[in-house]
Structure formats: C-alpha cells, structure tokens
Amino acid sequence: MEGESLGWVRLRSTRYARYWCAYHFVWIPKYRRDVLVGEVAEYTRVVLREILSELGCEELALEVMPDHVHVLALCPPRHSPAYVVNYLKGKSARRILQRFPELRSRAVHGKLWSRSYFVATVGNVTAEVVKKYVEEQWAREK
C-alpha cells in the first residue's frame, strides 16, 4: 500500500482511490469492568492486529487498558468507521471469549463489549496539502 508523499503524509492507494483515512476508536468492556489484564490483554492486542489486517487497515497505535481499548488505524475508504469498529468488536469478542471462557461469567449475556464506542477522524491533511495534491493532478493532465 505504498503511495506518494504530500508533505509528511504518505498517501495510500487502492485500485481506484488515493486516500489517507485515519480513525481513532475507543470502546469499553460491558460495565467498564477491568477484564483486559495480563494474558487477556496480550491476546486482545494480537487479535485486534489480526482483524485490522483482515480489513486491510494499517495500525498506527493500539493500546489495551484494563477497562478500555484504543485503536488508531488507517482504513481504506470502502469501510465506514462504524463498520470497522463493529467488525473489530464483534470478531475480537468471539475470539477472546473462546480463548478465555472464564470471562463469560463476567460478561453479561455473553457480551464482552459495551454497545457504545467513540470514533474521531484524525486529520493532518491541511487545506494546503489538498491544494498541492489538486495542483499536482492538474499538472499531470497537461
């Protein structure tokens, strides 16, 4: 997924799109219980990295705290932020609960994660960067 550089931003590419879509996601275990510790936390990191890879997303930062998770990732524009976070939560919960069945007793109705989440777009693409990109595209057409 190499791309051209505009300032410090290295654009990513799909077959039909050039992009730099970064999202910061945060979510919590049901009732914000401190269940993401020790081996569970380590396994959660591994699982989330695998799932990001499945989606074609690039991890920029990933932190598993005892009572919440932070994921900063570059994602292809074909995936909405809601799709990405729900896919991460659904797939990870299934794998984590399979590996650590003792968590089921602390999870309500077999649900590891709360339904809610936080998402923010992370933008370092300034108007100047966009202007430069448009000008470069115009120059290529000539």
Protein backbone atom coordinates (compact mmCIF):
# COMPACT_ATOMS: atom_id res chain seq x y z
CA MET A 1 0.00 0.00 0.00
CA GLU A 2 2.71 2.45 -0.90
CA GLY A 3 1.73 5.88 -2.06
CA GLU A 4 3.12 9.23 -2.99
CA SER A 5 4.10 11.68 -0.33
CA LEU A 6 2.48 15.07 0.22
CA GLY A 7 4.50 16.67 2.98
CA TRP A 8 4.78 14.11 5.76
CA VAL A 9 1.57 12.31 4.70
CA ARG A 10 2.21 9.18 2.63
CA LEU A 11 -0.98 8.53 0.70
CA ARG A 12 -2.31 5.00 0.46
CA SER A 13 -3.86 3.54 -2.68
CA THR A 14 -6.45 1.03 -3.69
CA ARG A 15 -7.16 0.14 -7.27
CA TYR A 16 -9.41 3.17 -7.74
CA ALA A 17 -8.73 5.52 -4.83
CA ARG A 18 -5.94 7.51 -3.19
CA TYR A 19 -6.58 8.05 0.50
CA TRP A 20 -5.43 8.80 3.99
CA CYS A 21 -8.36 7.97 6.28
CA ALA A 22 -7.28 7.68 9.89
CA TYR A 23 -9.72 6.88 12.69
CA HIS A 24 -9.32 6.81 16.46
CA PHE A 25 -11.63 4.26 18.10
CA VAL A 26 -12.23 3.73 21.82
CA TRP A 27 -14.57 1.19 23.41
CA ILE A 28 -15.06 -0.47 26.77
CA PRO A 29 -15.93 -3.89 28.15
CA LYS A 30 -19.52 -4.24 29.33
CA TYR A 31 -19.98 -2.17 32.51
CA ARG A 32 -16.36 -1.00 32.16
CA ARG A 33 -15.06 -3.96 34.12
CA ASP A 34 -11.28 -4.38 34.45
CA VAL A 35 -11.09 -7.63 32.47
CA LEU A 36 -8.38 -6.69 29.95
CA VAL A 37 -5.35 -7.59 32.07
CA GLY A 38 -2.41 -9.97 31.78
CA GLU A 39 -2.79 -12.71 29.19
CA VAL A 40 -6.22 -11.42 28.15
CA ALA A 41 -4.75 -8.00 27.30
CA GLU A 42 -1.89 -9.55 25.33
CA TYR A 43 -4.24 -11.81 23.38
CA THR A 44 -6.58 -8.87 22.73
CA ARG A 45 -3.70 -6.93 21.14
CA VAL A 46 -2.82 -9.88 18.90
CA VAL A 47 -6.43 -10.44 17.86
CA LEU A 48 -7.07 -6.77 17.09
CA ARG A 49 -3.93 -6.60 14.93
CA GLU A 50 -5.05 -9.70 13.00
CA ILE A 51 -8.53 -8.27 12.45
CA LEU A 52 -7.16 -4.90 11.28
CA SER A 53 -5.05 -6.79 8.78
CA GLU A 54 -8.09 -8.78 7.58
CA LEU A 55 -9.85 -5.48 6.89
CA GLY A 56 -6.88 -4.04 5.02
CA CYS A 57 -6.38 -1.42 7.73
CA GLU A 58 -2.99 -0.26 8.94
CA GLU A 59 -2.40 0.00 12.69
CA LEU A 60 -0.88 3.30 13.76
CA ALA A 61 -1.35 2.77 17.51
CA LEU A 62 -3.12 0.19 19.64
CA GLU A 63 -3.45 0.22 23.42
CA VAL A 64 -5.35 -2.24 25.59
CA MET A 65 -6.05 -0.82 29.03
CA PRO A 66 -7.74 -2.83 31.82
CA ASP A 67 -11.11 -1.13 31.18
CA HIS A 68 -10.91 0.20 27.60
CA VAL A 69 -9.26 -0.16 24.20
CA HIS A 70 -7.74 2.49 21.91
CA VAL A 71 -7.15 1.80 18.21
CA LEU A 72 -5.71 4.33 15.77
CA ALA A 73 -5.79 2.96 12.23
CA LEU A 74 -5.63 3.95 8.59
CA CYS A 75 -8.54 2.33 6.80
CA PRO A 76 -9.49 2.07 3.14
CA PRO A 77 -12.37 4.38 2.19
CA ARG A 78 -14.59 1.41 1.27
CA HIS A 79 -15.05 0.77 5.02
CA SER A 80 -17.09 3.21 7.09
CA PRO A 81 -15.82 3.91 10.61
CA ALA A 82 -18.96 2.26 12.03
CA TYR A 83 -18.27 -0.90 10.01
CA VAL A 84 -14.63 -1.04 11.15
CA VAL A 85 -15.34 -0.61 14.87
CA ASN A 86 -18.27 -3.03 14.88
CA TYR A 87 -16.22 -5.61 12.95
CA LEU A 88 -13.33 -5.20 15.40
CA LYS A 89 -15.61 -5.53 18.43
CA GLY A 90 -17.61 -8.48 17.09
CA LYS A 91 -14.71 -10.58 15.82
CA SER A 92 -12.50 -9.84 18.81
CA ALA A 93 -15.22 -10.64 21.37
CA ARG A 94 -15.84 -14.02 19.78
CA ARG A 95 -12.15 -14.95 19.69
CA ILE A 96 -11.41 -13.65 23.19
CA LEU A 97 -14.37 -15.42 24.79
CA GLN A 98 -13.44 -18.66 23.01
CA ARG A 99 -9.87 -18.45 24.32
CA PHE A 100 -10.87 -17.32 27.83
CA PRO A 101 -14.22 -18.98 28.65
CA GLU A 102 -13.92 -17.82 32.28
CA LEU A 103 -14.68 -14.29 31.04
CA ARG A 104 -18.19 -15.44 30.11
CA SER A 105 -19.14 -15.40 33.79
CA ARG A 106 -18.12 -11.71 33.96
CA ALA A 107 -19.70 -10.87 30.58
CA VAL A 108 -23.41 -10.13 30.64
CA HIS A 109 -25.40 -12.39 28.29
CA GLY A 110 -22.12 -13.45 26.67
CA LYS A 111 -21.34 -9.90 25.58
CA LEU A 112 -17.78 -8.78 26.17
CA TRP A 113 -18.02 -5.23 24.81
CA SER A 114 -20.42 -2.41 25.53
CA ARG A 115 -22.58 -1.44 22.55
CA SER A 116 -21.21 2.12 22.57
CA TYR A 117 -17.93 3.41 21.18
CA PHE A 118 -16.08 6.61 20.43
CA VAL A 119 -14.72 7.46 16.98
CA ALA A 120 -12.86 10.51 15.72
CA THR A 121 -11.34 11.21 12.36
CA VAL A 122 -7.70 12.07 12.66
CA GLY A 123 -6.75 14.68 10.13
CA ASN A 124 -3.38 16.05 9.33
CA VAL A 125 -4.24 16.73 5.75
CA THR A 126 -4.45 20.50 5.69
CA ALA A 127 -6.04 22.67 3.05
CA GLU A 128 -2.52 23.37 1.80
CA VAL A 129 -1.84 19.64 1.30
CA VAL A 130 -5.14 19.22 -0.59
CA LYS A 131 -4.35 22.27 -2.74
CA LYS A 132 -0.91 20.87 -3.58
CA TYR A 133 -2.43 17.49 -4.49
CA VAL A 134 -5.01 19.12 -6.80
CA GLU A 135 -2.33 21.24 -8.45
CA GLU A 136 -0.11 18.18 -8.99
CA GLN A 137 -3.01 16.30 -10.57
CA TRP A 138 -3.72 19.23 -12.86
CA ALA A 139 -0.04 19.38 -13.88
CA ARG A 140 -0.07 15.63 -14.71
CA GLU A 141 -3.06 16.09 -17.03
CA LYS A 142 -1.21 18.65 -19.14
